[in-house]
Protein backbone atom coordinates (compact mmCIF):
# COMPACT_ATOMS: atom_id res chain seq x y z
CA MET A 1 0.00 0.00 0.00
CA ASN A 2 1.50 3.28 -1.06
CA LYS A 3 -1.30 5.28 0.62
CA ILE A 4 0.23 4.91 4.08
CA LYS A 5 3.55 6.23 5.46
CA ASN A 6 5.32 7.41 8.61
CA ILE A 7 4.03 4.57 10.77
CA THR A 8 5.00 4.73 14.45
CA LYS A 9 3.87 2.31 17.13
CA THR A 10 3.60 2.85 20.88
CA ILE A 11 2.86 -0.12 23.13
CA LEU A 12 0.20 0.86 25.67
CA SER A 13 -0.17 -2.51 27.40
CA GLU A 14 1.32 -5.99 27.20
CA GLU A 15 -0.74 -7.92 29.71
CA TRP A 16 -2.83 -10.78 28.28
CA ALA A 17 -2.35 -9.40 24.76
CA THR A 18 -0.76 -6.28 23.25
CA LEU A 19 -2.54 -2.95 22.96
CA THR A 20 -0.71 -0.60 20.61
CA ARG A 21 -1.35 2.97 19.48
CA ILE A 22 -0.42 3.28 15.82
CA ASP A 23 0.13 6.75 14.35
CA TYR A 24 0.43 7.09 10.59
CA ASP A 25 -0.16 9.31 7.60
CA PHE A 26 -2.88 8.16 5.21
CA GLN A 27 -3.61 9.48 1.72
CA PHE A 28 -7.33 9.95 1.12
CA GLU A 29 -9.07 9.68 -2.27
CA ASP A 30 -8.87 13.45 -2.81
CA GLY A 31 -5.06 13.15 -2.61
CA ALA A 32 -4.75 14.81 0.80
CA TRP A 33 -2.48 13.27 3.40
CA LYS A 34 -3.84 13.24 6.95
CA SER A 35 -2.28 12.13 10.24
CA VAL A 36 -4.35 9.36 11.83
CA SER A 37 -4.08 7.58 15.18
CA ARG A 38 -5.68 4.23 16.03
CA GLU A 39 -5.48 1.76 18.90
CA CYS A 40 -4.98 -1.83 17.86
CA TYR A 41 -5.45 -4.86 20.13
CA ASN A 42 -3.37 -7.88 19.14
CA ARG A 43 -4.41 -11.08 20.91
CA GLY A 44 -3.38 -13.39 18.08
CA ASN A 45 -5.64 -15.34 15.76
CA GLY A 46 -8.33 -17.84 16.66
CA ALA A 47 -10.18 -20.83 15.32
CA ALA A 48 -13.77 -21.97 15.83
CA ILE A 49 -15.80 -25.00 14.84
CA LEU A 50 -19.45 -25.88 14.37
CA LEU A 51 -19.90 -29.53 15.31
CA TYR A 52 -23.01 -31.10 13.80
CA ASN A 53 -24.74 -34.48 13.81
CA VAL A 54 -26.89 -35.14 10.74
CA GLU A 55 -28.57 -38.24 12.17
CA LYS A 56 -29.70 -36.47 15.36
CA GLY A 57 -30.19 -33.04 13.76
CA THR A 58 -28.12 -31.44 16.52
CA ILE A 59 -25.11 -29.21 17.02
CA ILE A 60 -22.72 -28.78 19.93
CA LEU A 61 -22.35 -25.33 21.50
CA THR A 62 -20.70 -23.99 24.64
CA LYS A 63 -21.99 -21.66 27.32
CA GLN A 64 -19.57 -19.64 29.41
CA PHE A 65 -19.06 -16.32 31.16
CA ARG A 66 -17.42 -13.59 29.03
CA MET A 67 -16.16 -10.53 30.92
CA PRO A 68 -16.08 -8.17 27.88
CA ILE A 69 -19.77 -8.93 27.21
CA TYR A 70 -20.58 -8.42 30.92
CA GLU A 71 -18.68 -5.11 30.83
CA ASN A 72 -20.83 -4.00 27.89
CA THR A 73 -24.19 -5.34 29.13
CA GLU A 74 -24.21 -7.04 32.54
CA ASP A 75 -27.22 -9.28 31.96
CA GLU A 76 -25.65 -10.70 28.78
CA GLY A 77 -22.42 -11.95 30.43
CA MET A 78 -23.13 -15.62 29.72
CA SER A 79 -22.41 -16.37 26.07
CA ILE A 80 -23.57 -19.29 23.93
CA GLU A 81 -21.00 -20.00 21.24
CA VAL A 82 -19.42 -22.57 18.99
CA CYS A 83 -16.30 -24.24 20.34
CA ALA A 84 -13.33 -21.91 19.80
CA GLY A 85 -9.87 -20.99 21.00
CA SER A 86 -6.74 -18.99 20.43
CA ILE A 87 -4.15 -20.29 18.01
CA GLU A 88 -1.14 -20.91 20.23
CA HIS A 89 2.54 -20.68 19.31
CA ASN A 90 2.90 -21.75 15.68
CA ASP A 91 -0.06 -24.14 15.69
CA ASP A 92 -2.07 -24.64 12.55
CA PRO A 93 -5.70 -23.43 12.83
CA LEU A 94 -6.92 -27.00 12.21
CA GLU A 95 -4.75 -28.28 15.09
CA THR A 96 -6.34 -25.60 17.26
CA VAL A 97 -9.94 -26.62 16.55
CA ILE A 98 -9.10 -30.28 17.06
CA ARG A 99 -7.48 -29.48 20.45
CA GLU A 100 -10.25 -27.10 21.53
CA THR A 101 -12.97 -29.59 20.54
CA GLU A 102 -11.43 -32.16 22.87
CA GLU A 103 -10.78 -29.72 25.75
CA GLU A 104 -14.03 -27.74 25.63
CA VAL A 105 -16.70 -30.20 24.53
CA GLY A 106 -15.12 -33.64 24.93
CA TYR A 107 -15.20 -34.90 21.35
CA LYS A 108 -12.20 -36.22 19.44
CA ILE A 109 -12.35 -35.33 15.78
CA LYS A 110 -9.71 -36.17 13.21
CA ASP A 111 -10.47 -33.54 10.60
CA ALA A 112 -12.63 -30.52 9.84
CA LYS A 113 -13.49 -28.41 6.82
CA GLN A 114 -12.41 -24.78 6.83
CA VAL A 115 -15.28 -22.67 5.48
CA TYR A 116 -14.31 -19.05 6.26
CA LYS A 117 -11.51 -16.77 7.39
CA ALA A 118 -12.86 -13.55 8.88
CA TYR A 119 -11.77 -10.56 10.94
CA THR A 120 -14.06 -10.27 13.95
CA SER A 121 -13.73 -6.54 14.60
CA PRO A 122 -11.28 -5.08 12.06
CA GLY A 123 -11.54 -1.54 13.41
CA ALA A 124 -9.83 -2.51 16.67
CA LEU A 125 -8.65 -6.15 16.68
CA THR A 126 -5.95 -7.86 14.64
CA GLU A 127 -7.64 -11.23 15.25
CA LYS A 128 -8.43 -13.33 12.21
CA MET A 129 -10.81 -16.22 12.90
CA PHE A 130 -10.49 -19.48 11.00
CA LEU A 131 -13.95 -21.06 10.91
CA TYR A 132 -14.57 -24.78 10.51
CA VAL A 133 -17.36 -27.36 10.40
CA ALA A 134 -17.16 -31.06 11.24
CA GLU A 135 -19.48 -33.93 12.02
CA TYR A 136 -19.52 -35.52 15.44
CA SER A 137 -21.11 -38.71 16.76
CA GLU A 138 -21.45 -40.51 20.07
CA ALA A 139 -18.53 -42.68 18.98
CA THR A 140 -16.27 -39.59 18.99
CA LYS A 141 -17.19 -38.57 22.56
CA ILE A 142 -14.21 -39.13 24.89
CA SER A 143 -15.04 -36.93 27.91
CA GLU A 144 -17.54 -34.49 29.35
CA GLY A 145 -15.47 -31.50 28.17
CA GLY A 146 -15.83 -28.30 30.16
CA GLY A 147 -12.51 -26.65 29.39
CA LEU A 148 -9.23 -26.58 31.27
CA GLU A 149 -8.99 -25.69 34.94
CA SER A 150 -5.46 -24.36 34.26
CA GLU A 151 -7.03 -21.77 31.92
CA ASN A 152 -9.78 -20.92 34.43
CA GLU A 153 -12.42 -22.25 32.07
CA GLU A 154 -15.85 -23.32 33.20
CA ILE A 155 -17.71 -24.35 30.07
CA GLU A 156 -21.16 -25.87 29.86
CA VAL A 157 -21.55 -28.16 26.86
CA LEU A 158 -24.87 -27.86 25.03
CA GLU A 159 -26.19 -30.34 22.49
CA LEU A 160 -29.15 -28.65 20.85
CA PRO A 161 -31.50 -29.29 17.93
CA PHE A 162 -30.39 -27.23 14.96
CA ALA A 163 -33.84 -25.61 14.58
CA LYS A 164 -33.69 -24.46 18.21
CA VAL A 165 -30.27 -22.85 17.64
CA VAL A 166 -31.63 -20.97 14.62
CA ALA A 167 -34.52 -19.73 16.80
CA MET A 168 -32.04 -18.71 19.54
CA ILE A 169 -30.23 -16.52 17.03
CA ALA A 170 -33.52 -14.94 15.93
CA SER A 171 -34.47 -14.24 19.57
CA GLU A 172 -30.96 -12.87 20.26
CA GLU A 173 -30.22 -15.47 22.91
CA ILE A 174 -27.15 -16.22 20.77
CA ARG A 175 -25.25 -13.01 19.95
CA ASP A 176 -21.80 -14.33 19.07
CA ALA A 177 -20.78 -13.39 15.51
CA LYS A 178 -18.68 -16.47 14.74
CA THR A 179 -21.52 -18.72 15.89
CA ILE A 180 -24.07 -16.85 13.80
CA MET A 181 -21.80 -17.08 10.74
CA LEU A 182 -21.28 -20.82 11.13
CA VAL A 183 -24.97 -21.54 11.76
CA GLN A 184 -25.87 -19.54 8.67
CA TYR A 185 -23.24 -21.48 6.72
CA ALA A 186 -24.91 -24.71 7.89
CA GLN A 187 -28.31 -23.36 6.78
CA ILE A 188 -27.10 -22.20 3.36
CA HIS A 189 -25.26 -25.46 2.66
CA LYS A 190 -27.99 -27.63 4.22
CA LEU A 191 -25.52 -29.51 6.43
CA LEU A 192 -28.34 -30.90 8.55
CA GLY A 193 -30.75 -31.57 5.70
């Protein structure tokens, strides 16, 4: 991009992730250069998966407390979502969804189909989400799931009829963007018939 120059970065915080102020000059369509400043939160990339069972007509979701949602709207602090996690170290996104599926919901899958790559909030976050779908069955269940105590996770595993999940999105009981995207993918591609 030759419409951006004089980039300077100032780290504001390096706690759980990195918050950086980025100052730069940007050339607008009218040719004018303007100085712009933005804050950018870098927590790495993530991967999420919609697990579905055609025979039962169900999908697996998680329910857990999310502090940023609580901070925004206290009575919405519990979030219903697809299984997801941060891509650690130099892991492949597929490795991440396989690991998170086992840790969070207790199913061991061998493979998944990547259907999207999307930025969740490109005005503030660097995070790119890699979104997958995969079938599950009772034969792939290896534990009760629930997350890792070492990561302070307390995850409720939900197995719900697909039609109910669609209704939960319509009623705004499910507000998570990655979950909505993957459920809509399942609808469009008729994964559950």
